[in-house]
């Protein structure tokens, strides 16, 4: 293993440890807050706080899913998962969104029934102080995990941080309901429970829709166009036929089809593909690149492009990458049909 590969591996291990630390902090916070809120909500007669406590109780299960996702995503690629296990964090995000949505609906419906019930009693005033303290705790956990998610790029931890911000706002809404009920507006406390449910469902929908979009290989069209323009400037590339991308948790895989001068030798075509791969890997999250080379079949003979100083400075000389430019790497020649044979076991180039 080269020094660069060892440094990359150490960086990944540090990111995983930091993400796990944030996930454990979330789980511990939710365990304590759910117990306190459920107990205080029951004793103080606050339906809003009781609903908030039940929401935090389910957040404990969501934190367990985040822990699993972070650990599973750190596993290396194997024979059955050639792209690695990065999408385990996306699955964890989908679990978080699903659990939050189910609980939000249940909390909202229960609070709505309570709001329609006669002879409502206002909750004890001390419940408002507990709600303020809970909001402060969740705000602190939110800022901590948001910073960790930005540093590590963890989708699961980013989803957990958004859940924390929602929980902090929910606690503040509960405080407003308790305060209003103590001033004679007894209906305000259960209404706060309804608002809690709606906010939870709203956050859950966003998390689940984002995770589903990624699991269905959704990718930003703007980034595809930007990568295509970058590849088109690589010396030796005649045209860019297709660019595709997919998210793999924190990583990104890019597939690109280019055409080259049919008069190039196999070795020269391979060098062009190497330069394309190096240019695409300039983005730190791009860890998988597949370059398919076809002969240029435009009108007239293909023109050999002269050196592009800008692209050359970006891509570097062919073979400068320890992975892309490895000596002796086989390249299948172009056949009669004009397509190069593909090796299904190679995740970079066909």
C-alpha atoms as a PDB file:
ATOM      1  CA  UNK A   1       0.000   0.000   0.000  1.00  0.00           C
ATOM      2  CA  UNK A   2       1.410   3.383  -1.004  1.00  0.00           C
ATOM      3  CA  UNK A   3       1.831   6.277   1.407  1.00  0.00           C
ATOM      4  CA  UNK A   4      -1.016   8.134  -0.338  1.00  0.00           C
ATOM      5  CA  UNK A   5      -3.340   5.135   0.028  1.00  0.00           C
ATOM      6  CA  UNK A   6      -2.417   4.753   3.703  1.00  0.00           C
ATOM      7  CA  UNK A   7      -3.108   8.436   4.355  1.00  0.00           C
ATOM      8  CA  UNK A   8      -6.476   8.152   2.585  1.00  0.00           C
ATOM      9  CA  UNK A   9      -7.367   5.091   4.646  1.00  0.00           C
ATOM     10  CA  UNK A  10      -6.399   6.814   7.879  1.00  0.00           C
ATOM     11  CA  UNK A  11      -8.553   9.793   6.939  1.00  0.00           C
ATOM     12  CA  UNK A  12     -11.517   7.496   6.320  1.00  0.00           C
ATOM     13  CA  UNK A  13     -11.029   5.750   9.666  1.00  0.00           C
ATOM     14  CA  UNK A  14     -10.926   9.080  11.486  1.00  0.00           C
ATOM     15  CA  UNK A  15     -14.118  10.206   9.738  1.00  0.00           C
ATOM     16  CA  UNK A  16     -15.885   6.981  10.728  1.00  0.00           C
ATOM     17  CA  UNK A  17     -14.823   7.326  14.365  1.00  0.00           C
ATOM     18  CA  UNK A  18     -16.007  10.945  14.452  1.00  0.00           C
ATOM     19  CA  UNK A  19     -19.353  10.016  12.866  1.00  0.00           C
ATOM     20  CA  UNK A  20     -19.869   7.188  15.358  1.00  0.00           C
ATOM     21  CA  UNK A  21     -19.138   9.580  18.205  1.00  0.00           C
ATOM     22  CA  UNK A  22     -21.865  11.913  16.977  1.00  0.00           C
ATOM     23  CA  UNK A  23     -24.328   9.021  16.535  1.00  0.00           C
ATOM     24  CA  UNK A  24     -23.689   7.779  20.072  1.00  0.00           C
ATOM     25  CA  UNK A  25     -24.217  11.308  21.393  1.00  0.00           C
ATOM     26  CA  UNK A  26     -27.563  11.437  19.593  1.00  0.00           C
ATOM     27  CA  UNK A  27     -28.692   8.104  20.990  1.00  0.00           C
ATOM     28  CA  UNK A  28     -27.710   9.003  24.551  1.00  0.00           C
ATOM     29  CA  UNK A  29     -29.420  12.397  24.342  1.00  0.00           C
ATOM     30  CA  UNK A  30     -32.645  10.878  23.063  1.00  0.00           C
ATOM     31  CA  UNK A  31     -32.698   8.190  25.762  1.00  0.00           C
ATOM     32  CA  UNK A  32     -32.437  10.801  28.522  1.00  0.00           C
ATOM     33  CA  UNK A  33     -34.806  13.332  26.956  1.00  0.00           C
ATOM     34  CA  UNK A  34     -37.507  10.802  26.083  1.00  0.00           C
ATOM     35  CA  UNK A  35     -37.558   9.469  29.656  1.00  0.00           C
ATOM     36  CA  UNK A  36     -37.705  12.975  31.136  1.00  0.00           C
ATOM     37  CA  UNK A  37     -40.364  14.285  28.736  1.00  0.00           C
ATOM     38  CA  UNK A  38     -42.660  11.283  29.029  1.00  0.00           C
ATOM     39  CA  UNK A  39     -42.434  11.364  32.824  1.00  0.00           C
ATOM     40  CA  UNK A  40     -42.953  15.124  33.095  1.00  0.00           C
ATOM     41  CA  UNK A  41     -45.668  15.158  30.432  1.00  0.00           C
ATOM     42  CA  UNK A  42     -47.639  12.470  32.256  1.00  0.00           C
ATOM     43  CA  UNK A  43     -47.249  13.996  35.728  1.00  0.00           C
ATOM     44  CA  UNK A  44     -47.777  17.604  34.607  1.00  0.00           C
ATOM     45  CA  UNK A  45     -50.713  16.732  32.345  1.00  0.00           C
ATOM     46  CA  UNK A  46     -49.106  18.163  29.184  1.00  0.00           C
ATOM     47  CA  UNK A  47     -50.198  16.330  26.055  1.00  0.00           C
ATOM     48  CA  UNK A  48     -47.775  18.363  23.968  1.00  0.00           C
ATOM     49  CA  UNK A  49     -44.772  17.317  26.064  1.00  0.00           C
ATOM     50  CA  UNK A  50     -45.941  13.711  26.176  1.00  0.00           C
ATOM     51  CA  UNK A  51     -46.137  13.722  22.379  1.00  0.00           C
ATOM     52  CA  UNK A  52     -42.656  15.237  22.204  1.00  0.00           C
ATOM     53  CA  UNK A  53     -41.313  12.534  24.519  1.00  0.00           C
ATOM     54  CA  UNK A  54     -42.790   9.761  22.400  1.00  0.00           C
ATOM     55  CA  UNK A  55     -41.206  11.364  19.357  1.00  0.00           C
ATOM     56  CA  UNK A  56     -37.804  11.296  21.086  1.00  0.00           C
ATOM     57  CA  UNK A  57     -38.360   7.661  22.046  1.00  0.00           C
ATOM     58  CA  UNK A  58     -38.625   6.694  18.406  1.00  0.00           C
ATOM     59  CA  UNK A  59     -35.576   8.844  17.696  1.00  0.00           C
ATOM     60  CA  UNK A  60     -33.637   6.338  19.778  1.00  0.00           C
ATOM     61  CA  UNK A  61     -34.509   3.669  17.198  1.00  0.00           C
ATOM     62  CA  UNK A  62     -33.519   6.031  14.418  1.00  0.00           C
ATOM     63  CA  UNK A  63     -30.159   6.629  16.125  1.00  0.00           C
ATOM     64  CA  UNK A  64     -29.578   2.876  16.167  1.00  0.00           C
ATOM     65  CA  UNK A  65     -30.197   2.850  12.395  1.00  0.00           C
ATOM     66  CA  UNK A  66     -27.681   5.685  11.970  1.00  0.00           C
ATOM     67  CA  UNK A  67     -25.076   3.751  13.969  1.00  0.00           C
ATOM     68  CA  UNK A  68     -25.613   0.686  11.805  1.00  0.00           C
ATOM     69  CA  UNK A  69     -25.412   2.742   8.609  1.00  0.00           C
ATOM     70  CA  UNK A  70     -22.123   4.389   9.563  1.00  0.00           C
ATOM     71  CA  UNK A  71     -20.528   1.070  10.558  1.00  0.00           C
ATOM     72  CA  UNK A  72     -21.782  -0.784   7.486  1.00  0.00           C
ATOM     73  CA  UNK A  73     -20.708   1.969   5.093  1.00  0.00           C
ATOM     74  CA  UNK A  74     -17.140   1.742   6.420  1.00  0.00           C
ATOM     75  CA  UNK A  75     -16.773  -1.867   5.271  1.00  0.00           C
ATOM     76  CA  UNK A  76     -14.545  -2.278   2.188  1.00  0.00           C
ATOM     77  CA  UNK A  77     -15.796  -3.534  -1.179  1.00  0.00           C
ATOM     78  CA  UNK A  78     -16.157  -7.289  -1.605  1.00  0.00           C
ATOM     79  CA  UNK A  79     -17.117  -9.767  -4.338  1.00  0.00           C
ATOM     80  CA  UNK A  80     -20.849  -9.006  -3.979  1.00  0.00           C
ATOM     81  CA  UNK A  81     -20.524  -5.254  -3.436  1.00  0.00           C
ATOM     82  CA  UNK A  82     -17.968  -4.039  -5.944  1.00  0.00           C
ATOM     83  CA  UNK A  83     -18.880  -0.403  -5.306  1.00  0.00           C
ATOM     84  CA  UNK A  84     -18.528  -0.811  -1.547  1.00  0.00           C
ATOM     85  CA  UNK A  85     -21.204  -0.361   1.128  1.00  0.00           C
ATOM     86  CA  UNK A  86     -21.518   3.433   1.083  1.00  0.00           C
ATOM     87  CA  UNK A  87     -25.269   3.376   0.495  1.00  0.00           C
ATOM     88  CA  UNK A  88     -25.817   1.803   3.913  1.00  0.00           C
ATOM     89  CA  UNK A  89     -25.892   5.371   5.256  1.00  0.00           C
ATOM     90  CA  UNK A  90     -28.552   6.261   2.702  1.00  0.00           C
ATOM     91  CA  UNK A  91     -30.621   3.280   3.840  1.00  0.00           C
ATOM     92  CA  UNK A  92     -30.215   4.501   7.424  1.00  0.00           C
ATOM     93  CA  UNK A  93     -31.485   7.929   6.350  1.00  0.00           C
ATOM     94  CA  UNK A  94     -34.534   6.288   4.771  1.00  0.00           C
ATOM     95  CA  UNK A  95     -35.187   4.373   8.005  1.00  0.00           C
ATOM     96  CA  UNK A  96     -34.928   7.593  10.020  1.00  0.00           C
ATOM     97  CA  UNK A  97     -37.407   9.346   7.726  1.00  0.00           C
ATOM     98  CA  UNK A  98     -39.860   6.429   7.770  1.00  0.00           C
ATOM     99  CA  UNK A  99     -39.847   6.080  11.561  1.00  0.00           C
ATOM    100  CA  UNK A 100     -40.233   9.828  12.015  1.00  0.00           C
ATOM    101  CA  UNK A 101     -43.164   9.939   9.589  1.00  0.00           C
ATOM    102  CA  UNK A 102     -45.091   7.149  11.317  1.00  0.00           C
ATOM    103  CA  UNK A 103     -44.588   8.679  14.755  1.00  0.00           C
ATOM    104  CA  UNK A 104     -45.463  12.158  13.541  1.00  0.00           C
ATOM    105  CA  UNK A 105     -48.793  10.962  12.172  1.00  0.00           C
ATOM    106  CA  UNK A 106     -49.613   9.107  15.380  1.00  0.00           C
ATOM    107  CA  UNK A 107     -48.655  12.071  17.584  1.00  0.00           C
ATOM    108  CA  UNK A 108     -50.670  14.511  15.494  1.00  0.00           C
ATOM    109  CA  UNK A 109     -53.809  12.370  15.489  1.00  0.00           C
ATOM    110  CA  UNK A 110     -53.619  11.748  19.248  1.00  0.00           C
ATOM    111  CA  UNK A 111     -53.199  15.465  19.958  1.00  0.00           C
ATOM    112  CA  UNK A 112     -56.091  16.304  17.651  1.00  0.00           C
ATOM    113  CA  UNK A 113     -58.363  13.944  19.568  1.00  0.00           C
ATOM    114  CA  UNK A 114     -57.263  15.551  22.834  1.00  0.00           C
ATOM    115  CA  UNK A 115     -57.967  19.034  21.451  1.00  0.00           C
ATOM    116  CA  UNK A 116     -61.548  18.032  20.667  1.00  0.00           C
ATOM    117  CA  UNK A 117     -62.125  16.519  24.113  1.00  0.00           C
ATOM    118  CA  UNK A 118     -64.169  18.556  26.649  1.00  0.00           C
ATOM    119  CA  UNK A 119     -63.008  19.805  30.083  1.00  0.00           C
ATOM    120  CA  UNK A 120     -59.324  20.210  29.301  1.00  0.00           C
ATOM    121  CA  UNK A 121     -57.076  20.881  32.294  1.00  0.00           C
ATOM    122  CA  UNK A 122     -54.038  23.145  31.898  1.00  0.00           C
ATOM    123  CA  UNK A 123     -50.655  21.445  32.472  1.00  0.00           C
ATOM    124  CA  UNK A 124     -48.378  22.271  35.408  1.00  0.00           C
ATOM    125  CA  UNK A 125     -46.217  25.376  34.733  1.00  0.00           C
ATOM    126  CA  UNK A 126     -42.907  23.632  35.525  1.00  0.00           C
ATOM    127  CA  UNK A 127     -43.312  21.593  32.340  1.00  0.00           C
ATOM    128  CA  UNK A 128     -42.444  24.722  30.337  1.00  0.00           C
ATOM    129  CA  UNK A 129     -39.031  24.934  32.029  1.00  0.00           C
ATOM    130  CA  UNK A 130     -38.345  21.305  31.164  1.00  0.00           C
ATOM    131  CA  UNK A 131     -39.283  22.022  27.559  1.00  0.00           C
ATOM    132  CA  UNK A 132     -36.881  24.966  27.367  1.00  0.00           C
ATOM    133  CA  UNK A 133     -34.036  22.871  28.785  1.00  0.00           C
ATOM    134  CA  UNK A 134     -34.762  20.079  26.290  1.00  0.00           C
ATOM    135  CA  UNK A 135     -34.736  22.555  23.400  1.00  0.00           C
ATOM    136  CA  UNK A 136     -31.337  23.881  24.508  1.00  0.00           C
ATOM    137  CA  UNK A 137     -29.899  20.348  24.710  1.00  0.00           C
ATOM    138  CA  UNK A 138     -31.128  19.394  21.248  1.00  0.00           C
ATOM    139  CA  UNK A 139     -29.848  22.671  19.775  1.00  0.00           C
ATOM    140  CA  UNK A 140     -26.379  21.920  21.152  1.00  0.00           C
ATOM    141  CA  UNK A 141     -26.447  18.368  19.765  1.00  0.00           C
ATOM    142  CA  UNK A 142     -27.642  19.723  16.412  1.00  0.00           C
ATOM    143  CA  UNK A 143     -24.756  22.169  16.030  1.00  0.00           C
ATOM    144  CA  UNK A 144     -22.239  19.523  17.087  1.00  0.00           C
ATOM    145  CA  UNK A 145     -23.483  16.854  14.670  1.00  0.00           C
ATOM    146  CA  UNK A 146     -23.982  19.314  11.833  1.00  0.00           C
ATOM    147  CA  UNK A 147     -20.312  20.303  12.100  1.00  0.00           C
ATOM    148  CA  UNK A 148     -19.311  16.617  12.172  1.00  0.00           C
ATOM    149  CA  UNK A 149     -21.495  15.833   9.142  1.00  0.00           C
ATOM    150  CA  UNK A 150     -19.897  18.651   7.144  1.00  0.00           C
ATOM    151  CA  UNK A 151     -16.427  17.467   8.085  1.00  0.00           C
ATOM    152  CA  UNK A 152     -16.998  13.761   7.418  1.00  0.00           C
ATOM    153  CA  UNK A 153     -19.603  13.994   4.621  1.00  0.00           C
ATOM    154  CA  UNK A 154     -21.806  11.402   6.375  1.00  0.00           C
ATOM    155  CA  UNK A 155     -25.361  11.402   4.922  1.00  0.00           C
ATOM    156  CA  UNK A 156     -26.721   9.484   7.929  1.00  0.00           C
ATOM    157  CA  UNK A 157     -25.236  11.956  10.414  1.00  0.00           C
ATOM    158  CA  UNK A 158     -26.511  14.859   8.307  1.00  0.00           C
ATOM    159  CA  UNK A 159     -30.013  13.352   8.485  1.00  0.00           C
ATOM    160  CA  UNK A 160     -29.668  12.927  12.244  1.00  0.00           C
ATOM    161  CA  UNK A 161     -28.632  16.583  12.613  1.00  0.00           C
ATOM    162  CA  UNK A 162     -31.715  17.725  10.715  1.00  0.00           C
ATOM    163  CA  UNK A 163     -33.799  15.573  13.038  1.00  0.00           C
ATOM    164  CA  UNK A 164     -32.159  17.333  16.011  1.00  0.00           C
ATOM    165  CA  UNK A 165     -33.097  20.776  14.673  1.00  0.00           C
ATOM    166  CA  UNK A 166     -36.672  19.636  14.203  1.00  0.00           C
ATOM    167  CA  UNK A 167     -36.769  18.286  17.766  1.00  0.00           C
ATOM    168  CA  UNK A 168     -35.469  21.574  19.170  1.00  0.00           C
ATOM    169  CA  UNK A 169     -38.226  23.510  17.386  1.00  0.00           C
ATOM    170  CA  UNK A 170     -40.806  20.975  18.526  1.00  0.00           C
ATOM    171  CA  UNK A 171     -39.763  21.467  22.152  1.00  0.00           C
ATOM    172  CA  UNK A 172     -40.120  25.225  21.775  1.00  0.00           C
ATOM    173  CA  UNK A 173     -43.598  24.713  20.324  1.00  0.00           C
ATOM    174  CA  UNK A 174     -44.476  22.582  23.336  1.00  0.00           C
ATOM    175  CA  UNK A 175     -43.347  25.367  25.654  1.00  0.00           C
ATOM    176  CA  UNK A 176     -45.623  27.823  23.843  1.00  0.00           C
ATOM    177  CA  UNK A 177     -48.555  25.435  24.239  1.00  0.00           C
ATOM    178  CA  UNK A 178     -47.945  24.990  27.967  1.00  0.00           C
ATOM    179  CA  UNK A 179     -47.569  28.744  28.458  1.00  0.00           C
ATOM    180  CA  UNK A 180     -50.828  29.465  26.639  1.00  0.00           C
ATOM    181  CA  UNK A 181     -52.741  26.755  28.492  1.00  0.00           C
ATOM    182  CA  UNK A 182     -51.631  28.270  31.818  1.00  0.00           C
ATOM    183  CA  UNK A 183     -53.271  31.543  30.810  1.00  0.00           C
ATOM    184  CA  UNK A 184     -56.650  30.028  30.145  1.00  0.00           C
ATOM    185  CA  UNK A 185     -56.164  28.828  26.563  1.00  0.00           C
ATOM    186  CA  UNK A 186     -56.376  25.170  27.473  1.00  0.00           C
ATOM    187  CA  UNK A 187     -56.795  24.180  23.836  1.00  0.00           C
ATOM    188  CA  UNK A 188     -53.331  25.529  22.999  1.00  0.00           C
ATOM    189  CA  UNK A 189     -51.440  22.614  24.585  1.00  0.00           C
ATOM    190  CA  UNK A 190     -53.048  19.856  22.449  1.00  0.00           C
ATOM    191  CA  UNK A 191     -52.844  22.127  19.406  1.00  0.00           C
ATOM    192  CA  UNK A 192     -49.108  22.314  20.061  1.00  0.00           C
ATOM    193  CA  UNK A 193     -49.121  18.505  19.900  1.00  0.00           C
ATOM    194  CA  UNK A 194     -50.758  18.688  16.474  1.00  0.00           C
ATOM    195  CA  UNK A 195     -48.110  21.162  15.307  1.00  0.00           C
ATOM    196  CA  UNK A 196     -45.438  18.810  16.665  1.00  0.00           C
ATOM    197  CA  UNK A 197     -46.815  15.983  14.534  1.00  0.00           C
ATOM    198  CA  UNK A 198     -46.945  18.118  11.390  1.00  0.00           C
ATOM    199  CA  UNK A 199     -43.360  19.333  11.821  1.00  0.00           C
ATOM    200  CA  UNK A 200     -42.120  15.799  12.357  1.00  0.00           C
ATOM    201  CA  UNK A 201     -43.954  14.546   9.250  1.00  0.00           C
ATOM    202  CA  UNK A 202     -42.546  17.427   7.195  1.00  0.00           C
ATOM    203  CA  UNK A 203     -38.958  16.646   8.180  1.00  0.00           C
ATOM    204  CA  UNK A 204     -39.543  12.931   7.685  1.00  0.00           C
ATOM    205  CA  UNK A 205     -40.821  13.495   4.149  1.00  0.00           C
ATOM    206  CA  UNK A 206     -37.735  15.459   3.191  1.00  0.00           C
ATOM    207  CA  UNK A 207     -35.356  12.851   4.592  1.00  0.00           C
ATOM    208  CA  UNK A 208     -37.162   9.924   2.980  1.00  0.00           C
ATOM    209  CA  UNK A 209     -37.514  11.625  -0.414  1.00  0.00           C
ATOM    210  CA  UNK A 210     -33.815  12.539  -0.528  1.00  0.00           C
ATOM    211  CA  UNK A 211     -32.783   8.991   0.396  1.00  0.00           C
ATOM    212  CA  UNK A 212     -35.140   7.468  -2.178  1.00  0.00           C
ATOM    213  CA  UNK A 213     -33.816   9.808  -4.871  1.00  0.00           C
ATOM    214  CA  UNK A 214     -30.260   8.629  -4.202  1.00  0.00           C
ATOM    215  CA  UNK A 215     -31.186   4.933  -4.006  1.00  0.00           C
ATOM    216  CA  UNK A 216     -32.864   5.272  -7.421  1.00  0.00           C
ATOM    217  CA  UNK A 217     -29.600   6.685  -8.859  1.00  0.00           C
ATOM    218  CA  UNK A 218     -30.795  10.265  -9.031  1.00  0.00           C
ATOM    219  CA  UNK A 219     -27.973  12.681  -9.858  1.00  0.00           C
ATOM    220  CA  UNK A 220     -27.621  16.425 -10.391  1.00  0.00           C
ATOM    221  CA  UNK A 221     -27.995  17.306 -14.125  1.00  0.00           C
ATOM    222  CA  UNK A 222     -25.883  20.429 -13.621  1.00  0.00           C
ATOM    223  CA  UNK A 223     -22.973  18.378 -12.350  1.00  0.00           C
ATOM    224  CA  UNK A 224     -23.274  15.931 -15.254  1.00  0.00           C
ATOM    225  CA  UNK A 225     -23.000  18.821 -17.709  1.00  0.00           C
ATOM    226  CA  UNK A 226     -20.049  20.308 -15.845  1.00  0.00           C
ATOM    227  CA  UNK A 227     -18.168  16.989 -15.851  1.00  0.00           C
ATOM    228  CA  UNK A 228     -18.949  16.519 -19.537  1.00  0.00           C
ATOM    229  CA  UNK A 229     -17.417  19.897 -20.403  1.00  0.00           C
ATOM    230  CA  UNK A 230     -14.347  19.017 -18.366  1.00  0.00           C
ATOM    231  CA  UNK A 231     -13.891  15.694 -20.179  1.00  0.00           C
ATOM    232  CA  UNK A 232     -14.363  17.336 -23.595  1.00  0.00           C
ATOM    233  CA  UNK A 233     -11.272  19.469 -22.968  1.00  0.00           C
ATOM    234  CA  UNK A 234      -9.014  16.462 -22.366  1.00  0.00           C
ATOM    235  CA  UNK A 235      -6.413  16.061 -25.158  1.00  0.00           C
ATOM    236  CA  UNK A 236      -7.347  13.182 -27.464  1.00  0.00           C
ATOM    237  CA  UNK A 237     -11.094  13.249 -26.758  1.00  0.00           C
ATOM    238  CA  UNK A 238     -13.076  13.895 -29.951  1.00  0.00           C
ATOM    239  CA  UNK A 239     -16.594  13.840 -28.498  1.00  0.00           C
ATOM    240  CA  UNK A 240     -18.292  12.987 -25.213  1.00  0.00           C
ATOM    241  CA  UNK A 241     -21.132  10.589 -25.959  1.00  0.00           C
ATOM    242  CA  UNK A 242     -22.532  10.098 -22.454  1.00  0.00           C
ATOM    243  CA  UNK A 243     -21.874  10.967 -18.811  1.00  0.00           C
ATOM    244  CA  UNK A 244     -23.668   9.270 -15.941  1.00  0.00           C
ATOM    245  CA  UNK A 245     -23.282   9.571 -12.198  1.00  0.00           C
ATOM    246  CA  UNK A 246     -24.570   7.917  -9.063  1.00  0.00           C
ATOM    247  CA  UNK A 247     -24.163   8.613  -5.379  1.00  0.00           C
ATOM    248  CA  UNK A 248     -22.753   5.878  -3.126  1.00  0.00           C
ATOM    249  CA  UNK A 249     -23.238   7.483   0.261  1.00  0.00           C
ATOM    250  CA  UNK A 250     -20.248   9.788   0.673  1.00  0.00           C
ATOM    251  CA  UNK A 251     -18.693   8.595  -2.597  1.00  0.00           C
ATOM    252  CA  UNK A 252     -19.609   9.174  -6.249  1.00  0.00           C
ATOM    253  CA  UNK A 253     -19.281   6.878  -9.275  1.00  0.00           C
ATOM    254  CA  UNK A 254     -18.990   8.350 -12.779  1.00  0.00           C
ATOM    255  CA  UNK A 255     -19.470   6.491 -16.098  1.00  0.00           C
ATOM    256  CA  UNK A 256     -18.404   8.279 -19.287  1.00  0.00           C
ATOM    257  CA  UNK A 257     -18.341   7.298 -22.969  1.00  0.00           C
ATOM    258  CA  UNK A 258     -15.895   9.123 -25.243  1.00  0.00           C
ATOM    259  CA  UNK A 259     -14.806   8.845 -28.874  1.00  0.00           C
ATOM    260  CA  UNK A 260     -11.207   9.046 -30.070  1.00  0.00           C
ATOM    261  CA  UNK A 261      -9.426   9.091 -33.394  1.00  0.00           C
ATOM    262  CA  UNK A 262      -9.829   5.546 -34.827  1.00  0.00           C
ATOM    263  CA  UNK A 263      -6.261   5.786 -36.057  1.00  0.00           C
ATOM    264  CA  UNK A 264      -4.888   5.773 -32.527  1.00  0.00           C
ATOM    265  CA  UNK A 265      -3.171   2.659 -31.268  1.00  0.00           C
ATOM    266  CA  UNK A 266      -4.562   0.713 -28.336  1.00  0.00           C
ATOM    267  CA  UNK A 267      -1.864   2.187 -26.109  1.00  0.00           C
ATOM    268  CA  UNK A 268      -2.675   5.741 -27.220  1.00  0.00           C
ATOM    269  CA  UNK A 269      -6.419   5.207 -26.652  1.00  0.00           C
ATOM    270  CA  UNK A 270      -5.632   3.826 -23.229  1.00  0.00           C
ATOM    271  CA  UNK A 271      -3.595   6.948 -22.436  1.00  0.00           C
ATOM    272  CA  UNK A 272      -6.562   9.167 -23.378  1.00  0.00           C
ATOM    273  CA  UNK A 273      -8.818   7.135 -21.071  1.00  0.00           C
ATOM    274  CA  UNK A 274      -6.252   7.509 -18.278  1.00  0.00           C
ATOM    275  CA  UNK A 275      -6.253  11.288 -18.682  1.00  0.00           C
ATOM    276  CA  UNK A 276     -10.062  11.357 -18.567  1.00  0.00           C
ATOM    277  CA  UNK A 277     -10.038   9.305 -15.374  1.00  0.00           C
ATOM    278  CA  UNK A 278      -7.502  11.596 -13.726  1.00  0.00           C
ATOM    279  CA  UNK A 279      -9.551  14.679 -14.627  1.00  0.00           C
ATOM    280  CA  UNK A 280     -12.728  13.192 -13.161  1.00  0.00           C
ATOM    281  CA  UNK A 281     -10.954  12.142  -9.976  1.00  0.00           C
ATOM    282  CA  UNK A 282     -10.095  15.776  -9.267  1.00  0.00           C
ATOM    283  CA  UNK A 283     -13.404  15.890  -7.380  1.00  0.00           C
ATOM    284  CA  UNK A 284     -12.611  14.438  -3.923  1.00  0.00           C
ATOM    285  CA  UNK A 285     -15.837  12.417  -3.710  1.00  0.00           C
ATOM    286  CA  UNK A 286     -15.321  10.658  -7.076  1.00  0.00           C
ATOM    287  CA  UNK A 287     -13.928   7.243  -6.124  1.00  0.00           C
ATOM    288  CA  UNK A 288     -15.167   5.102  -9.040  1.00  0.00           C
ATOM    289  CA  UNK A 289     -14.615   5.994 -12.707  1.00  0.00           C
ATOM    290  CA  UNK A 290     -15.579   3.903 -15.747  1.00  0.00           C
ATOM    291  CA  UNK A 291     -14.354   5.195 -19.112  1.00  0.00           C
ATOM    292  CA  UNK A 292     -15.657   3.552 -22.298  1.00  0.00           C
ATOM    293  CA  UNK A 293     -13.763   4.385 -25.508  1.00  0.00           C
ATOM    294  CA  UNK A 294     -15.289   4.248 -28.997  1.00  0.00           C
ATOM    295  CA  UNK A 295     -13.871   5.220 -32.414  1.00  0.00           C
ATOM    296  CA  UNK A 296     -14.923   8.609 -33.683  1.00  0.00           C
ATOM    297  CA  UNK A 297     -17.311   8.204 -36.633  1.00  0.00           C
ATOM    298  CA  UNK A 298     -18.125  11.773 -37.527  1.00  0.00           C
ATOM    299  CA  UNK A 299     -18.025  13.160 -41.064  1.00  0.00           C
ATOM    300  CA  UNK A 300     -14.536  13.122 -42.443  1.00  0.00           C
ATOM    301  CA  UNK A 301     -11.443  11.861 -40.704  1.00  0.00           C
ATOM    302  CA  UNK A 302     -11.106  12.470 -37.005  1.00  0.00           C
ATOM    303  CA  UNK A 303      -8.688  15.229 -36.194  1.00  0.00           C
ATOM    304  CA  UNK A 304      -5.889  14.639 -33.752  1.00  0.00           C
ATOM    305  CA  UNK A 305      -6.057  17.344 -31.148  1.00  0.00           C
ATOM    306  CA  UNK A 306      -2.974  19.193 -30.158  1.00  0.00           C
ATOM    307  CA  UNK A 307      -2.008  19.505 -26.525  1.00  0.00           C
ATOM    308  CA  UNK A 308      -4.363  21.548 -24.370  1.00  0.00           C
ATOM    309  CA  UNK A 309      -2.172  23.304 -21.805  1.00  0.00           C
ATOM    310  CA  UNK A 310      -5.096  23.904 -19.443  1.00  0.00           C
ATOM    311  CA  UNK A 311      -6.381  20.327 -19.584  1.00  0.00           C
ATOM    312  CA  UNK A 312      -2.877  18.930 -19.458  1.00  0.00           C
ATOM    313  CA  UNK A 313      -2.154  20.866 -16.310  1.00  0.00           C
ATOM    314  CA  UNK A 314      -5.278  19.433 -14.743  1.00  0.00           C
ATOM    315  CA  UNK A 315      -4.902  15.861 -15.890  1.00  0.00           C
ATOM    316  CA  UNK A 316      -1.127  15.510 -15.727  1.00  0.00           C
ATOM    317  CA  UNK A 317       0.805  13.021 -17.851  1.00  0.00           C
ATOM    318  CA  UNK A 318      -0.698   9.636 -18.506  1.00  0.00           C
ATOM    319  CA  UNK A 319       0.315   7.113 -15.902  1.00  0.00           C
ATOM    320  CA  UNK A 320       0.924   9.711 -13.191  1.00  0.00           C
ATOM    321  CA  UNK A 321      -1.901   8.217 -11.123  1.00  0.00           C
ATOM    322  CA  UNK A 322      -0.762   5.109  -9.220  1.00  0.00           C
ATOM    323  CA  UNK A 323      -4.080   3.475 -10.026  1.00  0.00           C
ATOM    324  CA  UNK A 324      -4.992   4.734 -13.479  1.00  0.00           C
ATOM    325  CA  UNK A 325      -1.502   4.654 -14.954  1.00  0.00           C
ATOM    326  CA  UNK A 326      -0.423   1.245 -13.648  1.00  0.00           C
ATOM    327  CA  UNK A 327       1.915  -0.445 -16.196  1.00  0.00           C
ATOM    328  CA  UNK A 328       0.714  -3.552 -17.908  1.00  0.00           C
ATOM    329  CA  UNK A 329      -2.970  -2.815 -17.455  1.00  0.00           C
ATOM    330  CA  UNK A 330      -4.859  -4.539 -20.309  1.00  0.00           C
ATOM    331  CA  UNK A 331      -7.013  -2.550 -22.697  1.00  0.00           C
ATOM    332  CA  UNK A 332      -9.371  -4.402 -25.034  1.00  0.00           C
ATOM    333  CA  UNK A 333      -8.952  -3.212 -28.644  1.00  0.00           C
ATOM    334  CA  UNK A 334     -11.805  -1.811 -30.699  1.00  0.00           C
ATOM    335  CA  UNK A 335     -13.659  -4.546 -32.584  1.00  0.00           C
ATOM    336  CA  UNK A 336     -15.533  -4.476 -35.880  1.00  0.00           C
ATOM    337  CA  UNK A 337     -18.697  -3.179 -34.249  1.00  0.00           C
ATOM    338  CA  UNK A 338     -16.846  -0.073 -33.116  1.00  0.00           C
ATOM    339  CA  UNK A 339     -17.140  -0.826 -29.352  1.00  0.00           C
ATOM    340  CA  UNK A 340     -14.479  -1.929 -27.024  1.00  0.00           C
ATOM    341  CA  UNK A 341     -15.225  -5.062 -25.016  1.00  0.00           C
ATOM    342  CA  UNK A 342     -16.120  -4.521 -21.364  1.00  0.00           C
ATOM    343  CA  UNK A 343     -14.695  -6.245 -18.356  1.00  0.00           C
ATOM    344  CA  UNK A 344     -17.552  -6.514 -15.819  1.00  0.00           C
ATOM    345  CA  UNK A 345     -15.113  -6.924 -13.026  1.00  0.00           C
ATOM    346  CA  UNK A 346     -13.406  -3.588 -13.622  1.00  0.00           C
ATOM    347  CA  UNK A 347     -15.196  -0.721 -11.892  1.00  0.00           C
ATOM    348  CA  UNK A 348     -13.233   1.979 -13.719  1.00  0.00           C
ATOM    349  CA  UNK A 349     -12.852   1.430 -17.435  1.00  0.00           C
ATOM    350  CA  UNK A 350     -14.436  -0.895 -19.954  1.00  0.00           C
END
